[in-house]
Amino acid sequence: MDDRRRRFEAQALPHLDAAYNLARWLSRSPADADDIVQDAMLRAFRAFDGFRGGDAKAWLLAIGRPGRAPARPYKP
């Protein structure tokens, strides 16, 4: 396993549950949340060289959030 992958896993994977919970809350669908998180993790890995440290959780959640949740009316 290369160093980049090891560093990404150490920084991003601890926040996978938080990413799923946010995606689930935004989409209200487990299947959509799975897709959102998968896409966010892939985009985060591709952009990981640009991550300069700091709050990895905030960085990861920001990648998964904008425009990623399907537009659905709010249903309490």
N, C-alpha and C. Protein backbone atom coordinates (compact mmCIF):
# COMPACT_ATOMS: atom_id res chain seq x y z
N MET A 1 0.86 -1.17 0.00
CA MET A 1 0.00 0.00 0.00
C MET A 1 0.90 1.24 0.00
N ASP A 2 0.59 2.20 -0.84
CA ASP A 2 1.45 3.38 -0.92
C ASP A 2 1.16 4.35 0.23
N ASP A 3 2.09 5.28 0.42
CA ASP A 3 2.02 6.23 1.52
C ASP A 3 0.79 7.13 1.42
N ARG A 4 0.46 7.56 0.21
CA ARG A 4 -0.71 8.44 0.01
C ARG A 4 -1.99 7.76 0.49
N ARG A 5 -2.15 6.52 0.10
CA ARG A 5 -3.35 5.78 0.51
C ARG A 5 -3.39 5.59 2.02
N ARG A 6 -2.25 5.28 2.61
CA ARG A 6 -2.17 5.10 4.05
C ARG A 6 -2.55 6.38 4.79
N ARG A 7 -2.03 7.51 4.31
CA ARG A 7 -2.35 8.80 4.93
C ARG A 7 -3.83 9.14 4.76
N PHE A 8 -4.37 8.88 3.56
CA PHE A 8 -5.79 9.15 3.33
C PHE A 8 -6.67 8.32 4.25
N GLU A 9 -6.36 7.04 4.35
CA GLU A 9 -7.15 6.17 5.23
C GLU A 9 -7.07 6.62 6.68
N ALA A 10 -5.91 7.04 7.11
CA ALA A 10 -5.75 7.49 8.49
C ALA A 10 -6.54 8.78 8.75
N GLN A 11 -6.62 9.66 7.76
CA GLN A 11 -7.30 10.94 7.93
C GLN A 11 -8.80 10.85 7.67
N ALA A 12 -9.21 10.13 6.64
CA ALA A 12 -10.61 10.17 6.19
C ALA A 12 -11.49 9.07 6.78
N LEU A 13 -10.98 7.86 6.87
CA LEU A 13 -11.84 6.75 7.28
C LEU A 13 -12.44 6.89 8.68
N PRO A 14 -11.76 7.52 9.63
CA PRO A 14 -12.41 7.70 10.94
C PRO A 14 -13.69 8.54 10.86
N HIS A 15 -13.88 9.27 9.77
CA HIS A 15 -15.04 10.16 9.63
C HIS A 15 -16.09 9.61 8.66
N LEU A 16 -15.94 8.36 8.29
CA LEU A 16 -16.87 7.75 7.34
C LEU A 16 -18.29 7.70 7.90
N ASP A 17 -18.44 7.38 9.17
CA ASP A 17 -19.79 7.35 9.77
C ASP A 17 -20.42 8.73 9.78
N ALA A 18 -19.64 9.75 10.09
CA ALA A 18 -20.18 11.12 10.09
C ALA A 18 -20.60 11.52 8.68
N ALA A 19 -19.81 11.14 7.70
CA ALA A 19 -20.16 11.45 6.31
C ALA A 19 -21.47 10.76 5.92
N TYR A 20 -21.61 9.50 6.31
CA TYR A 20 -22.84 8.77 6.00
C TYR A 20 -24.03 9.40 6.71
N ASN A 21 -23.85 9.74 7.99
CA ASN A 21 -24.97 10.33 8.74
C ASN A 21 -25.43 11.65 8.12
N LEU A 22 -24.49 12.48 7.68
CA LEU A 22 -24.86 13.73 7.03
C LEU A 22 -25.58 13.46 5.71
N ALA A 23 -25.03 12.55 4.92
CA ALA A 23 -25.65 12.21 3.63
C ALA A 23 -27.04 11.62 3.83
N ARG A 24 -27.19 10.81 4.84
CA ARG A 24 -28.49 10.19 5.13
C ARG A 24 -29.50 11.26 5.54
N TRP A 25 -29.05 12.20 6.36
CA TRP A 25 -29.92 13.28 6.81
C TRP A 25 -30.33 14.17 5.63
N LEU A 26 -29.38 14.48 4.77
CA LEU A 26 -29.67 15.34 3.63
C LEU A 26 -30.56 14.66 2.59
N SER A 27 -30.31 13.39 2.33
CA SER A 27 -31.02 12.70 1.26
C SER A 27 -32.29 11.99 1.74
N ARG A 28 -32.33 11.64 3.01
CA ARG A 28 -33.44 10.88 3.58
C ARG A 28 -33.59 9.51 2.93
N SER A 29 -32.51 9.01 2.37
CA SER A 29 -32.56 7.72 1.69
C SER A 29 -31.23 6.98 1.92
N PRO A 30 -31.29 5.77 2.48
CA PRO A 30 -30.06 5.02 2.69
C PRO A 30 -29.30 4.74 1.39
N ALA A 31 -30.01 4.42 0.34
CA ALA A 31 -29.36 4.13 -0.93
C ALA A 31 -28.68 5.38 -1.50
N ASP A 32 -29.38 6.51 -1.45
CA ASP A 32 -28.78 7.76 -1.92
C ASP A 32 -27.59 8.14 -1.05
N ALA A 33 -27.70 7.94 0.25
CA ALA A 33 -26.59 8.26 1.16
C ALA A 33 -25.36 7.42 0.82
N ASP A 34 -25.57 6.15 0.52
CA ASP A 34 -24.44 5.30 0.11
C ASP A 34 -23.75 5.87 -1.12
N ASP A 35 -24.53 6.27 -2.11
CA ASP A 35 -23.98 6.83 -3.34
C ASP A 35 -23.24 8.14 -3.08
N ILE A 36 -23.83 9.00 -2.26
CA ILE A 36 -23.22 10.29 -1.95
C ILE A 36 -21.87 10.09 -1.26
N VAL A 37 -21.84 9.19 -0.29
CA VAL A 37 -20.60 8.95 0.46
C VAL A 37 -19.55 8.31 -0.44
N GLN A 38 -19.95 7.37 -1.27
CA GLN A 38 -19.00 6.74 -2.17
C GLN A 38 -18.39 7.78 -3.11
N ASP A 39 -19.22 8.64 -3.66
CA ASP A 39 -18.73 9.69 -4.55
C ASP A 39 -17.82 10.66 -3.79
N ALA A 40 -18.22 11.04 -2.58
CA ALA A 40 -17.42 11.98 -1.78
C ALA A 40 -16.06 11.39 -1.43
N MET A 41 -16.03 10.12 -1.05
CA MET A 41 -14.75 9.50 -0.70
C MET A 41 -13.84 9.40 -1.91
N LEU A 42 -14.39 9.09 -3.05
CA LEU A 42 -13.58 9.02 -4.27
C LEU A 42 -13.03 10.40 -4.63
N ARG A 43 -13.89 11.43 -4.56
CA ARG A 43 -13.43 12.78 -4.86
C ARG A 43 -12.42 13.26 -3.82
N ALA A 44 -12.62 12.88 -2.56
CA ALA A 44 -11.66 13.26 -1.51
C ALA A 44 -10.31 12.60 -1.75
N PHE A 45 -10.32 11.34 -2.14
CA PHE A 45 -9.04 10.65 -2.41
C PHE A 45 -8.32 11.31 -3.59
N ARG A 46 -9.06 11.63 -4.62
CA ARG A 46 -8.44 12.27 -5.79
C ARG A 46 -7.87 13.65 -5.44
N ALA A 47 -8.52 14.35 -4.50
CA ALA A 47 -8.08 15.69 -4.13
C ALA A 47 -7.17 15.70 -2.90
N PHE A 48 -6.80 14.53 -2.41
CA PHE A 48 -6.08 14.46 -1.14
C PHE A 48 -4.73 15.16 -1.17
N ASP A 49 -4.10 15.21 -2.31
CA ASP A 49 -2.81 15.91 -2.40
C ASP A 49 -2.96 17.40 -2.09
N GLY A 50 -4.15 17.93 -2.27
CA GLY A 50 -4.41 19.34 -1.98
C GLY A 50 -4.79 19.59 -0.53
N PHE A 51 -5.03 18.54 0.24
CA PHE A 51 -5.37 18.68 1.66
C PHE A 51 -4.12 19.09 2.41
N ARG A 52 -4.18 20.21 3.11
CA ARG A 52 -3.00 20.76 3.78
C ARG A 52 -3.05 20.59 5.29
N GLY A 53 -3.78 19.61 5.75
CA GLY A 53 -3.89 19.39 7.18
C GLY A 53 -5.09 20.12 7.73
N GLY A 54 -5.20 20.14 9.02
CA GLY A 54 -6.35 20.79 9.64
C GLY A 54 -7.43 19.78 9.94
N ASP A 55 -8.65 20.22 9.88
CA ASP A 55 -9.79 19.39 10.26
C ASP A 55 -10.24 18.52 9.09
N ALA A 56 -9.80 17.28 9.11
CA ALA A 56 -10.13 16.36 8.01
C ALA A 56 -11.62 16.08 7.95
N LYS A 57 -12.28 16.05 9.09
CA LYS A 57 -13.72 15.79 9.10
C LYS A 57 -14.47 16.90 8.38
N ALA A 58 -14.16 18.14 8.69
CA ALA A 58 -14.83 19.27 8.03
C ALA A 58 -14.54 19.26 6.53
N TRP A 59 -13.30 18.95 6.17
CA TRP A 59 -12.91 18.90 4.76
C TRP A 59 -13.71 17.82 4.02
N LEU A 60 -13.79 16.64 4.61
CA LEU A 60 -14.51 15.53 3.99
C LEU A 60 -16.01 15.82 3.88
N LEU A 61 -16.60 16.35 4.94
CA LEU A 61 -18.04 16.64 4.90
C LEU A 61 -18.35 17.75 3.90
N ALA A 62 -17.45 18.70 3.74
CA ALA A 62 -17.67 19.76 2.75
C ALA A 62 -17.63 19.19 1.33
N ILE A 63 -16.79 18.21 1.09
CA ILE A 63 -16.73 17.59 -0.23
C ILE A 63 -18.02 16.84 -0.53
N GLY A 64 -18.58 16.20 0.47
CA GLY A 64 -19.80 15.41 0.26
C GLY A 64 -21.07 16.20 0.22
N ARG A 65 -21.05 17.43 0.67
CA ARG A 65 -22.30 18.15 0.83
C ARG A 65 -22.78 18.96 -0.37
N PRO A 66 -22.00 19.82 -0.98
CA PRO A 66 -22.59 20.75 -1.95
C PRO A 66 -23.16 20.08 -3.19
N GLY A 67 -24.46 20.24 -3.35
CA GLY A 67 -25.11 19.75 -4.55
C GLY A 67 -25.18 18.24 -4.66
N ARG A 68 -24.89 17.54 -3.60
CA ARG A 68 -24.83 16.09 -3.67
C ARG A 68 -26.13 15.42 -3.26
N ALA A 69 -26.91 16.05 -2.46
CA ALA A 69 -28.16 15.44 -2.02
C ALA A 69 -29.25 15.70 -3.05
N PRO A 70 -30.02 14.69 -3.39
CA PRO A 70 -31.13 14.90 -4.32
C PRO A 70 -32.13 15.89 -3.76
N ALA A 71 -32.70 16.70 -4.60
CA ALA A 71 -33.70 17.66 -4.15
C ALA A 71 -34.98 16.92 -3.80
N ARG A 72 -35.36 17.02 -2.55
CA ARG A 72 -36.58 16.38 -2.08
C ARG A 72 -37.25 17.32 -1.08
N PRO A 73 -38.56 17.32 -1.06
CA PRO A 73 -39.22 18.14 -0.05
C PRO A 73 -38.96 17.61 1.34
N TYR A 74 -38.94 18.50 2.29
CA TYR A 74 -38.72 18.10 3.69
C TYR A 74 -39.95 17.35 4.20
N LYS A 75 -39.69 16.20 4.77
CA LYS A 75 -40.77 15.40 5.38
C LYS A 75 -40.35 15.02 6.77
N PRO A 76 -40.95 15.64 7.79
CA PRO A 76 -40.55 15.34 9.18
C PRO A 76 -40.85 13.92 9.59
